Amino acid sequence: MKLWIAKNSEVPVREQIVAQVTLAITSGDLDVGAKLPSTAEIARRFAVHPNTVSHAYRELADDGWIEYRHGSGFYVCEQSSESGESLERFVARFLESARSRGFSVSDVADCVARFADRETPARVVLLEDDESYREILVAELRSALSVGVDGAATTGFNGADGAIATAMFDEKPKLAPDVECHFLKTRSVAGAMSIENRPSQTDLIAVLSGWDKFLLLARTFLIAARIDAESLIVRSTRESGWRKGLDAATLIICDAPTAEHFNGDPRLRTFRLISDESIGELRQLLGGK
């Protein structure tokens, strides 16, 4: 696993580790069952205290991202009992369950055929309980897809006729087992760390978003990439006067909704949270739309 750590920054090393491991898992860079480097290895590689790494791993474990296996180390957890299951195993388990309820294989085949013949969905519903985060994800999907995209809370969602329900995969535990949902991956850590035309030490970089966690993640990764904290202008678009002083910025990094305020501005770099792979999968489900 590749990490970037800046020790002499305002963002604690623990937060840098937690943010990067979380993003690596949600983007698919770290698969379920992948073993993380030992705390001693990371401490030695970056010359940080082992307790700092241990605290980061403990936070990740408490949040359900990783688990400790006695005598072996830390591993990426499954986010649900079905995470990472092969299609063959899923079908075999499904048929066994259907038979136990009195359904024949032909009954199951007929039912699957009827579902397969259903019309291609005409719209997408993005599920996310955090309203600010949901606004960003909906904006990204609307710019990438040619169908209508709506947003809704995950909690209490029971399905939507004629639409594909989709969500970031960490929302999976919140959904009822019978709700069909396509889960999205985030961009990888490597993608988050790449900076085109890296600015000089004297240039100012503006980081803008209406979602506080976007601001935290962007700031964490920029500092880890050796960008001086004094060079960052971090603003929440939910606060009045957030545009003040932005003329001095050489680079503007923001989310998709905020980017709409800067159409044509050559300084703009829109960081998108949904991976290109997930966008491609959604287009396939929508019949190429």
C-alpha atoms as a PDB file:
ATOM      1  CA  MET A   1       0.000   0.000   0.000  1.00  0.00           C
ATOM      2  CA  LYS A   2       1.344   3.408  -0.993  1.00  0.00           C
ATOM      3  CA  LEU A   3       1.128   6.232   1.535  1.00  0.00           C
ATOM      4  CA  TRP A   4       2.112   9.891   1.514  1.00  0.00           C
ATOM      5  CA  ILE A   5       2.851  11.381   4.923  1.00  0.00           C
ATOM      6  CA  ALA A   6       3.982  14.891   5.779  1.00  0.00           C
ATOM      7  CA  LYS A   7       5.171  14.953   9.389  1.00  0.00           C
ATOM      8  CA  ASN A   8       5.615  18.703   9.758  1.00  0.00           C
ATOM      9  CA  SER A   9       2.087  19.813   8.951  1.00  0.00           C
ATOM     10  CA  GLU A  10      -1.038  21.012  10.727  1.00  0.00           C
ATOM     11  CA  VAL A  11      -2.848  17.792   9.771  1.00  0.00           C
ATOM     12  CA  PRO A  12      -1.919  15.065  12.301  1.00  0.00           C
ATOM     13  CA  VAL A  13      -0.171  11.990  10.888  1.00  0.00           C
ATOM     14  CA  ARG A  14      -2.949   9.829  12.333  1.00  0.00           C
ATOM     15  CA  GLU A  15      -5.562  11.684  10.243  1.00  0.00           C
ATOM     16  CA  GLN A  16      -3.390  11.392   7.145  1.00  0.00           C
ATOM     17  CA  ILE A  17      -3.185   7.611   7.566  1.00  0.00           C
ATOM     18  CA  VAL A  18      -6.914   7.202   8.295  1.00  0.00           C
ATOM     19  CA  ALA A  19      -7.945   9.321   5.282  1.00  0.00           C
ATOM     20  CA  GLN A  20      -5.649   7.539   2.841  1.00  0.00           C
ATOM     21  CA  VAL A  21      -6.491   4.002   3.980  1.00  0.00           C
ATOM     22  CA  THR A  22     -10.233   4.786   3.885  1.00  0.00           C
ATOM     23  CA  LEU A  23      -9.977   6.171   0.355  1.00  0.00           C
ATOM     24  CA  ALA A  24      -7.844   3.195  -0.750  1.00  0.00           C
ATOM     25  CA  ILE A  25     -10.565   0.803   0.463  1.00  0.00           C
ATOM     26  CA  THR A  26     -13.529   2.682  -1.017  1.00  0.00           C
ATOM     27  CA  SER A  27     -11.737   3.082  -4.369  1.00  0.00           C
ATOM     28  CA  GLY A  28     -10.868  -0.606  -4.603  1.00  0.00           C
ATOM     29  CA  ASP A  29      -7.102  -0.090  -4.357  1.00  0.00           C
ATOM     30  CA  LEU A  30      -7.268  -2.256  -1.243  1.00  0.00           C
ATOM     31  CA  ASP A  31      -9.492  -5.312  -1.723  1.00  0.00           C
ATOM     32  CA  VAL A  32     -11.408  -7.146   0.974  1.00  0.00           C
ATOM     33  CA  GLY A  33      -8.951  -9.408   2.782  1.00  0.00           C
ATOM     34  CA  ALA A  34      -5.884  -7.365   1.828  1.00  0.00           C
ATOM     35  CA  LYS A  35      -3.284  -7.187   4.582  1.00  0.00           C
ATOM     36  CA  LEU A  36      -2.126  -3.753   5.692  1.00  0.00           C
ATOM     37  CA  PRO A  37       1.528  -3.001   6.444  1.00  0.00           C
ATOM     38  CA  SER A  38       2.397  -3.529  10.094  1.00  0.00           C
ATOM     39  CA  THR A  39       2.475  -0.564  12.437  1.00  0.00           C
ATOM     40  CA  ALA A  40       6.218  -1.108  12.855  1.00  0.00           C
ATOM     41  CA  GLU A  41       6.762  -1.075   9.089  1.00  0.00           C
ATOM     42  CA  ILE A  42       4.919   2.226   8.594  1.00  0.00           C
ATOM     43  CA  ALA A  43       6.590   3.758  11.641  1.00  0.00           C
ATOM     44  CA  ARG A  44      10.004   2.762  10.305  1.00  0.00           C
ATOM     45  CA  ARG A  45       9.286   3.871   6.731  1.00  0.00           C
ATOM     46  CA  PHE A  46       8.153   7.371   7.717  1.00  0.00           C
ATOM     47  CA  ALA A  47      10.076   7.759  10.986  1.00  0.00           C
ATOM     48  CA  VAL A  48       6.933   8.279  13.061  1.00  0.00           C
ATOM     49  CA  HIS A  49       6.022   6.846  16.464  1.00  0.00           C
ATOM     50  CA  PRO A  50       4.444   3.341  16.295  1.00  0.00           C
ATOM     51  CA  ASN A  51       1.693   4.489  18.691  1.00  0.00           C
ATOM     52  CA  THR A  52       0.574   7.060  16.099  1.00  0.00           C
ATOM     53  CA  VAL A  53       0.091   4.297  13.521  1.00  0.00           C
ATOM     54  CA  SER A  54      -1.586   2.060  16.101  1.00  0.00           C
ATOM     55  CA  HIS A  55      -4.088   4.787  16.964  1.00  0.00           C
ATOM     56  CA  ALA A  56      -4.895   5.263  13.253  1.00  0.00           C
ATOM     57  CA  TYR A  57      -5.429   1.520  12.761  1.00  0.00           C
ATOM     58  CA  ARG A  58      -7.579   1.353  15.896  1.00  0.00           C
ATOM     59  CA  GLU A  59      -9.788   4.169  14.557  1.00  0.00           C
ATOM     60  CA  LEU A  60     -10.122   2.374  11.217  1.00  0.00           C
ATOM     61  CA  ALA A  61     -11.017  -0.851  13.032  1.00  0.00           C
ATOM     62  CA  ASP A  62     -13.581   0.906  15.245  1.00  0.00           C
ATOM     63  CA  ASP A  63     -15.218   2.324  12.108  1.00  0.00           C
ATOM     64  CA  GLY A  64     -15.417  -1.145  10.545  1.00  0.00           C
ATOM     65  CA  TRP A  65     -12.879  -0.662   7.740  1.00  0.00           C
ATOM     66  CA  ILE A  66     -10.244  -3.112   8.975  1.00  0.00           C
ATOM     67  CA  GLU A  67      -9.977  -5.949  11.486  1.00  0.00           C
ATOM     68  CA  TYR A  68      -7.159  -7.356  13.586  1.00  0.00           C
ATOM     69  CA  ARG A  69      -6.344 -11.056  13.263  1.00  0.00           C
ATOM     70  CA  HIS A  70      -4.408 -12.301  16.265  1.00  0.00           C
ATOM     71  CA  GLY A  71      -0.805 -13.068  15.438  1.00  0.00           C
ATOM     72  CA  SER A  72      -1.201 -11.990  11.823  1.00  0.00           C
ATOM     73  CA  GLY A  73      -2.000  -8.278  11.580  1.00  0.00           C
ATOM     74  CA  PHE A  74      -4.668  -5.956  10.187  1.00  0.00           C
ATOM     75  CA  TYR A  75      -6.828  -6.823   7.170  1.00  0.00           C
ATOM     76  CA  VAL A  76      -9.506  -5.035   5.154  1.00  0.00           C
ATOM     77  CA  CYS A  77     -12.985  -6.067   6.342  1.00  0.00           C
ATOM     78  CA  GLU A  78     -15.937  -7.137   4.298  1.00  0.00           C
ATOM     79  CA  GLN A  79     -18.570  -4.395   4.437  1.00  0.00           C
ATOM     80  CA  SER A  80     -21.363  -6.951   4.458  1.00  0.00           C
ATOM     81  CA  SER A  81     -21.770 -10.697   4.391  1.00  0.00           C
ATOM     82  CA  GLU A  82     -22.046 -10.660   0.592  1.00  0.00           C
ATOM     83  CA  SER A  83     -19.080  -8.410  -0.146  1.00  0.00           C
ATOM     84  CA  GLY A  84     -16.651  -9.968  -2.643  1.00  0.00           C
ATOM     85  CA  GLU A  85     -18.887 -13.022  -3.312  1.00  0.00           C
ATOM     86  CA  SER A  86     -18.467 -14.675  -6.730  1.00  0.00           C
ATOM     87  CA  LEU A  87     -21.420 -14.858  -9.121  1.00  0.00           C
ATOM     88  CA  GLU A  88     -21.331 -18.678  -9.173  1.00  0.00           C
ATOM     89  CA  ARG A  89     -21.414 -18.896  -5.392  1.00  0.00           C
ATOM     90  CA  PHE A  90     -24.211 -16.330  -5.203  1.00  0.00           C
ATOM     91  CA  VAL A  91     -26.343 -18.200  -7.793  1.00  0.00           C
ATOM     92  CA  ALA A  92     -25.747 -21.570  -6.119  1.00  0.00           C
ATOM     93  CA  ARG A  93     -26.750 -20.160  -2.731  1.00  0.00           C
ATOM     94  CA  PHE A  94     -29.781 -18.466  -4.266  1.00  0.00           C
ATOM     95  CA  LEU A  95     -30.980 -21.668  -5.988  1.00  0.00           C
ATOM     96  CA  GLU A  96     -30.515 -23.659  -2.792  1.00  0.00           C
ATOM     97  CA  SER A  97     -32.608 -21.101  -0.914  1.00  0.00           C
ATOM     98  CA  ALA A  98     -35.281 -21.108  -3.653  1.00  0.00           C
ATOM     99  CA  ARG A  99     -35.542 -24.923  -3.598  1.00  0.00           C
ATOM    100  CA  SER A 100     -35.889 -24.918   0.174  1.00  0.00           C
ATOM    101  CA  ARG A 101     -38.937 -22.661  -0.285  1.00  0.00           C
ATOM    102  CA  GLY A 102     -40.552 -24.966  -2.805  1.00  0.00           C
ATOM    103  CA  PHE A 103     -39.553 -23.213  -6.057  1.00  0.00           C
ATOM    104  CA  SER A 104     -38.249 -25.296  -8.945  1.00  0.00           C
ATOM    105  CA  VAL A 105     -35.268 -24.381 -11.133  1.00  0.00           C
ATOM    106  CA  SER A 106     -37.667 -23.675 -14.030  1.00  0.00           C
ATOM    107  CA  ASP A 107     -39.665 -21.291 -11.808  1.00  0.00           C
ATOM    108  CA  VAL A 108     -36.478 -19.408 -10.998  1.00  0.00           C
ATOM    109  CA  ALA A 109     -35.372 -19.348 -14.654  1.00  0.00           C
ATOM    110  CA  ASP A 110     -38.745 -17.951 -15.781  1.00  0.00           C
ATOM    111  CA  CYS A 111     -38.623 -15.246 -13.125  1.00  0.00           C
ATOM    112  CA  VAL A 112     -35.030 -14.244 -14.050  1.00  0.00           C
ATOM    113  CA  ALA A 113     -36.044 -14.072 -17.736  1.00  0.00           C
ATOM    114  CA  ARG A 114     -38.904 -11.708 -16.918  1.00  0.00           C
ATOM    115  CA  PHE A 115     -36.553  -9.428 -15.002  1.00  0.00           C
ATOM    116  CA  ALA A 116     -34.031  -9.531 -17.843  1.00  0.00           C
ATOM    117  CA  ASP A 117     -36.719  -8.424 -20.310  1.00  0.00           C
ATOM    118  CA  ARG A 118     -37.614  -5.346 -18.291  1.00  0.00           C
ATOM    119  CA  GLU A 119     -37.046  -2.000 -19.967  1.00  0.00           C
ATOM    120  CA  THR A 120     -33.725  -0.236 -19.409  1.00  0.00           C
ATOM    121  CA  PRO A 121     -34.070   2.184 -16.464  1.00  0.00           C
ATOM    122  CA  ALA A 122     -34.654   5.790 -17.525  1.00  0.00           C
ATOM    123  CA  ARG A 123     -33.168   7.522 -14.489  1.00  0.00           C
ATOM    124  CA  VAL A 124     -30.860   7.159 -11.506  1.00  0.00           C
ATOM    125  CA  VAL A 125     -31.483   7.743  -7.800  1.00  0.00           C
ATOM    126  CA  LEU A 126     -28.359   8.487  -5.754  1.00  0.00           C
ATOM    127  CA  LEU A 127     -28.714   7.414  -2.122  1.00  0.00           C
ATOM    128  CA  GLU A 128     -26.788   9.264   0.593  1.00  0.00           C
ATOM    129  CA  ASP A 129     -27.884  10.525   4.014  1.00  0.00           C
ATOM    130  CA  ASP A 130     -25.368  13.394   4.165  1.00  0.00           C
ATOM    131  CA  GLU A 131     -27.092  16.169   2.195  1.00  0.00           C
ATOM    132  CA  SER A 132     -23.901  18.071   1.281  1.00  0.00           C
ATOM    133  CA  TYR A 133     -22.147  14.902   0.119  1.00  0.00           C
ATOM    134  CA  ARG A 134     -25.266  13.844  -1.804  1.00  0.00           C
ATOM    135  CA  GLU A 135     -25.312  17.177  -3.657  1.00  0.00           C
ATOM    136  CA  ILE A 136     -21.756  16.576  -4.896  1.00  0.00           C
ATOM    137  CA  LEU A 137     -22.426  13.005  -6.035  1.00  0.00           C
ATOM    138  CA  VAL A 138     -25.645  13.966  -7.829  1.00  0.00           C
ATOM    139  CA  ALA A 139     -23.839  16.802  -9.647  1.00  0.00           C
ATOM    140  CA  GLU A 140     -21.116  14.402 -10.804  1.00  0.00           C
ATOM    141  CA  LEU A 141     -23.632  11.872 -12.119  1.00  0.00           C
ATOM    142  CA  ARG A 142     -25.684  14.523 -13.893  1.00  0.00           C
ATOM    143  CA  SER A 143     -22.597  15.770 -15.732  1.00  0.00           C
ATOM    144  CA  ALA A 144     -21.572  12.222 -16.728  1.00  0.00           C
ATOM    145  CA  LEU A 145     -24.919  10.633 -17.668  1.00  0.00           C
ATOM    146  CA  SER A 146     -27.593  11.542 -20.194  1.00  0.00           C
ATOM    147  CA  VAL A 147     -30.523  10.462 -17.980  1.00  0.00           C
ATOM    148  CA  GLY A 148     -32.195  12.182 -15.056  1.00  0.00           C
ATOM    149  CA  VAL A 149     -30.480  11.882 -11.682  1.00  0.00           C
ATOM    150  CA  ASP A 150     -32.233  12.491  -8.357  1.00  0.00           C
ATOM    151  CA  GLY A 151     -30.936  12.291  -4.805  1.00  0.00           C
ATOM    152  CA  ALA A 152     -32.564  10.661  -1.797  1.00  0.00           C
ATOM    153  CA  ALA A 153     -31.709   9.650   1.753  1.00  0.00           C
ATOM    154  CA  THR A 154     -30.544   6.061   2.216  1.00  0.00           C
ATOM    155  CA  THR A 155     -32.416   5.629   5.484  1.00  0.00           C
ATOM    156  CA  GLY A 156     -35.949   4.434   4.821  1.00  0.00           C
ATOM    157  CA  PHE A 157     -35.465   3.995   1.061  1.00  0.00           C
ATOM    158  CA  ASN A 158     -37.595   1.115  -0.299  1.00  0.00           C
ATOM    159  CA  GLY A 159     -36.842   1.286  -4.017  1.00  0.00           C
ATOM    160  CA  ALA A 160     -37.876   3.384  -7.006  1.00  0.00           C
ATOM    161  CA  ASP A 161     -39.776   2.060 -10.031  1.00  0.00           C
ATOM    162  CA  GLY A 162     -38.060   2.581 -13.374  1.00  0.00           C
ATOM    163  CA  ALA A 163     -34.824   3.806 -11.802  1.00  0.00           C
ATOM    164  CA  ILE A 164     -31.438   2.448 -10.838  1.00  0.00           C
ATOM    165  CA  ALA A 165     -30.673   3.040  -7.178  1.00  0.00           C
ATOM    166  CA  THR A 166     -26.992   3.719  -6.622  1.00  0.00           C
ATOM    167  CA  ALA A 167     -24.825   4.701  -3.662  1.00  0.00           C
ATOM    168  CA  MET A 168     -21.242   4.712  -2.427  1.00  0.00           C
ATOM    169  CA  PHE A 169     -20.557   1.233  -1.107  1.00  0.00           C
ATOM    170  CA  ASP A 170     -20.204   2.291   2.538  1.00  0.00           C
ATOM    171  CA  GLU A 171     -23.968   2.979   2.496  1.00  0.00           C
ATOM    172  CA  LYS A 172     -24.675  -0.728   1.968  1.00  0.00           C
ATOM    173  CA  PRO A 173     -25.295  -1.600   5.648  1.00  0.00           C
ATOM    174  CA  LYS A 174     -28.047   1.042   5.824  1.00  0.00           C
ATOM    175  CA  LEU A 175     -30.182  -0.508   3.073  1.00  0.00           C
ATOM    176  CA  ALA A 176     -32.816  -3.197   3.562  1.00  0.00           C
ATOM    177  CA  PRO A 177     -31.596  -6.587   2.229  1.00  0.00           C
ATOM    178  CA  ASP A 178     -34.274  -6.681  -0.500  1.00  0.00           C
ATOM    179  CA  VAL A 179     -33.431  -3.254  -1.983  1.00  0.00           C
ATOM    180  CA  GLU A 180     -31.576  -3.473  -5.303  1.00  0.00           C
ATOM    181  CA  CYS A 181     -28.696  -1.006  -5.421  1.00  0.00           C
ATOM    182  CA  HIS A 182     -25.604  -0.512  -7.596  1.00  0.00           C
ATOM    183  CA  PHE A 183     -22.627   0.531  -5.486  1.00  0.00           C
ATOM    184  CA  LEU A 184     -20.006   3.039  -6.605  1.00  0.00           C
ATOM    185  CA  LYS A 185     -16.283   3.293  -5.922  1.00  0.00           C
ATOM    186  CA  THR A 186     -14.394   6.469  -5.102  1.00  0.00           C
ATOM    187  CA  ARG A 187     -11.319   7.644  -6.965  1.00  0.00           C
ATOM    188  CA  SER A 188      -8.083   6.038  -5.852  1.00  0.00           C
ATOM    189  CA  VAL A 189      -5.529   7.533  -3.504  1.00  0.00           C
ATOM    190  CA  ALA A 190      -3.104   7.848  -6.411  1.00  0.00           C
ATOM    191  CA  GLY A 191      -5.670   9.869  -8.334  1.00  0.00           C
ATOM    192  CA  ALA A 192      -6.290  12.102  -5.356  1.00  0.00           C
ATOM    193  CA  MET A 193      -2.584  12.773  -4.947  1.00  0.00           C
ATOM    194  CA  SER A 194      -1.828  13.677  -8.582  1.00  0.00           C
ATOM    195  CA  ILE A 195      -1.358  17.385  -9.188  1.00  0.00           C
ATOM    196  CA  GLU A 196      -0.984  18.730 -12.734  1.00  0.00           C
ATOM    197  CA  ASN A 197       1.375  21.655 -13.234  1.00  0.00           C
ATOM    198  CA  ARG A 198       2.436  21.666  -9.606  1.00  0.00           C
ATOM    199  CA  PRO A 199       2.448  25.289  -8.354  1.00  0.00           C
ATOM    200  CA  SER A 200       5.510  26.975  -6.923  1.00  0.00           C
ATOM    201  CA  GLN A 201       5.991  27.509  -3.188  1.00  0.00           C
ATOM    202  CA  THR A 202       4.804  31.116  -3.508  1.00  0.00           C
ATOM    203  CA  ASP A 203       1.558  30.293  -5.321  1.00  0.00           C
ATOM    204  CA  LEU A 204      -1.762  30.117  -3.476  1.00  0.00           C
ATOM    205  CA  ILE A 205      -4.130  27.153  -3.892  1.00  0.00           C
ATOM    206  CA  ALA A 206      -7.835  27.578  -3.111  1.00  0.00           C
ATOM    207  CA  VAL A 207      -9.758  24.520  -1.856  1.00  0.00           C
ATOM    208  CA  LEU A 208     -13.521  25.062  -2.057  1.00  0.00           C
ATOM    209  CA  SER A 209     -16.527  22.914  -1.201  1.00  0.00           C
ATOM    210  CA  GLY A 210     -19.855  22.872   0.579  1.00  0.00           C
ATOM    211  CA  TRP A 211     -18.966  19.520   2.187  1.00  0.00           C
ATOM    212  CA  ASP A 212     -16.639  19.782   5.185  1.00  0.00           C
ATOM    213  CA  LYS A 213     -15.120  16.341   4.648  1.00  0.00           C
ATOM    214  CA  PHE A 214     -14.094  17.299   1.087  1.00  0.00           C
ATOM    215  CA  LEU A 215     -12.198  20.253   2.534  1.00  0.00           C
ATOM    216  CA  LEU A 216     -10.515  18.027   5.130  1.00  0.00           C
ATOM    217  CA  LEU A 217      -9.536  15.332   2.628  1.00  0.00           C
ATOM    218  CA  ALA A 218      -8.245  17.785   0.022  1.00  0.00           C
ATOM    219  CA  ARG A 219      -6.223  19.666   2.610  1.00  0.00           C
ATOM    220  CA  THR A 220      -4.825  16.423   4.037  1.00  0.00           C
ATOM    221  CA  PHE A 221      -3.671  15.116   0.654  1.00  0.00           C
ATOM    222  CA  LEU A 222      -2.216  18.423  -0.505  1.00  0.00           C
ATOM    223  CA  ILE A 223      -0.172  18.790   2.665  1.00  0.00           C
ATOM    224  CA  ALA A 224       0.940  15.155   2.404  1.00  0.00           C
ATOM    225  CA  ALA A 225       2.073  15.988  -1.151  1.00  0.00           C
ATOM    226  CA  ARG A 226       4.402  18.599   0.357  1.00  0.00           C
ATOM    227  CA  ILE A 227       2.226  21.627  -0.371  1.00  0.00           C
ATOM    228  CA  ASP A 228       2.846  24.237   2.341  1.00  0.00           C
ATOM    229  CA  ALA A 229      -0.226  24.723   4.546  1.00  0.00           C
ATOM    230  CA  GLU A 230       0.386  28.472   4.366  1.00  0.00           C
ATOM    231  CA  SER A 231      -0.241  28.276   0.593  1.00  0.00           C
ATOM    232  CA  LEU A 232      -3.791  26.939   1.022  1.00  0.00           C
ATOM    233  CA  ILE A 233      -7.005  28.967   1.045  1.00  0.00           C
ATOM    234  CA  VAL A 234      -9.666  26.610   2.431  1.00  0.00           C
ATOM    235  CA  ARG A 235     -13.268  27.860   2.146  1.00  0.00           C
ATOM    236  CA  SER A 236     -16.712  26.408   2.737  1.00  0.00           C
ATOM    237  CA  THR A 237     -19.188  27.589   0.105  1.00  0.00           C
ATOM    238  CA  ARG A 238     -21.913  27.434   2.752  1.00  0.00           C
ATOM    239  CA  GLU A 239     -20.385  30.499   4.419  1.00  0.00           C
ATOM    240  CA  SER A 240     -21.032  34.040   3.223  1.00  0.00           C
ATOM    241  CA  GLY A 241     -18.152  35.799   1.518  1.00  0.00           C
ATOM    242  CA  TRP A 242     -16.430  32.569   0.454  1.00  0.00           C
ATOM    243  CA  ARG A 243     -15.329  34.160  -2.848  1.00  0.00           C
ATOM    244  CA  LYS A 244     -13.337  36.909  -1.131  1.00  0.00           C
ATOM    245  CA  GLY A 245      -9.632  36.885  -1.999  1.00  0.00           C
ATOM    246  CA  LEU A 246      -9.837  34.106  -4.589  1.00  0.00           C
ATOM    247  CA  ASP A 247      -8.379  36.358  -7.297  1.00  0.00           C
ATOM    248  CA  ALA A 248      -4.979  35.766  -5.677  1.00  0.00           C
ATOM    249  CA  ALA A 249      -5.191  31.980  -6.103  1.00  0.00           C
ATOM    250  CA  THR A 250      -3.123  30.303  -8.829  1.00  0.00           C
ATOM    251  CA  LEU A 251      -5.117  27.067  -8.630  1.00  0.00           C
ATOM    252  CA  ILE A 252      -8.713  26.351  -7.577  1.00  0.00           C
ATOM    253  CA  ILE A 253      -9.524  22.806  -6.444  1.00  0.00           C
ATOM    254  CA  CYS A 254     -13.209  22.147  -5.788  1.00  0.00           C
ATOM    255  CA  ASP A 255     -16.117  19.733  -6.028  1.00  0.00           C
ATOM    256  CA  ALA A 256     -18.501  19.437  -8.980  1.00  0.00           C
ATOM    257  CA  PRO A 257     -21.274  21.800  -7.732  1.00  0.00           C
ATOM    258  CA  THR A 258     -18.744  24.512  -6.825  1.00  0.00           C
ATOM    259  CA  ALA A 259     -17.081  24.216 -10.242  1.00  0.00           C
ATOM    260  CA  GLU A 260     -20.259  25.604 -11.827  1.00  0.00           C
ATOM    261  CA  HIS A 261     -19.334  29.000 -10.343  1.00  0.00           C
ATOM    262  CA  PHE A 262     -16.044  29.049 -12.287  1.00  0.00           C
ATOM    263  CA  ASN A 263     -16.968  28.045 -15.849  1.00  0.00           C
ATOM    264  CA  GLY A 264     -14.087  28.812 -18.198  1.00  0.00           C
ATOM    265  CA  ASP A 265     -11.654  29.731 -15.419  1.00  0.00           C
ATOM    266  CA  PRO A 266      -8.251  28.215 -16.404  1.00  0.00           C
ATOM    267  CA  ARG A 267      -7.295  27.885 -12.730  1.00  0.00           C
ATOM    268  CA  LEU A 268     -10.095  25.408 -12.083  1.00  0.00           C
ATOM    269  CA  ARG A 269      -9.376  21.763 -11.197  1.00  0.00           C
ATOM    270  CA  THR A 270     -12.555  19.828 -10.393  1.00  0.00           C
ATOM    271  CA  PHE A 271     -11.844  16.817  -8.210  1.00  0.00           C
ATOM    272  CA  ARG A 272     -14.482  14.175  -8.796  1.00  0.00           C
ATOM    273  CA  LEU A 273     -15.179  11.623  -6.081  1.00  0.00           C
ATOM    274  CA  ILE A 274     -16.763   8.841  -8.184  1.00  0.00           C
ATOM    275  CA  SER A 275     -14.311   6.662 -10.103  1.00  0.00           C
ATOM    276  CA  ASP A 276     -14.398   6.504 -13.911  1.00  0.00           C
ATOM    277  CA  GLU A 277     -14.858   2.736 -13.610  1.00  0.00           C
ATOM    278  CA  SER A 278     -18.110   3.186 -11.672  1.00  0.00           C
ATOM    279  CA  ILE A 279     -19.381   5.760 -14.169  1.00  0.00           C
ATOM    280  CA  GLY A 280     -18.696   3.287 -16.979  1.00  0.00           C
ATOM    281  CA  GLU A 281     -20.583   0.520 -15.161  1.00  0.00           C
ATOM    282  CA  LEU A 282     -23.590   2.808 -14.669  1.00  0.00           C
ATOM    283  CA  ARG A 283     -23.617   3.697 -18.374  1.00  0.00           C
ATOM    284  CA  GLN A 284     -23.724  -0.009 -19.212  1.00  0.00           C
ATOM    285  CA  LEU A 285     -26.666  -0.551 -16.872  1.00  0.00           C
ATOM    286  CA  LEU A 286     -28.418   2.369 -18.584  1.00  0.00           C
ATOM    287  CA  GLY A 287     -27.885   0.884 -22.024  1.00  0.00           C
ATOM    288  CA  GLY A 288     -24.925   3.117 -22.875  1.00  0.00           C
ATOM    289  CA  LYS A 289     -26.617   6.425 -21.970  1.00  0.00           C
END
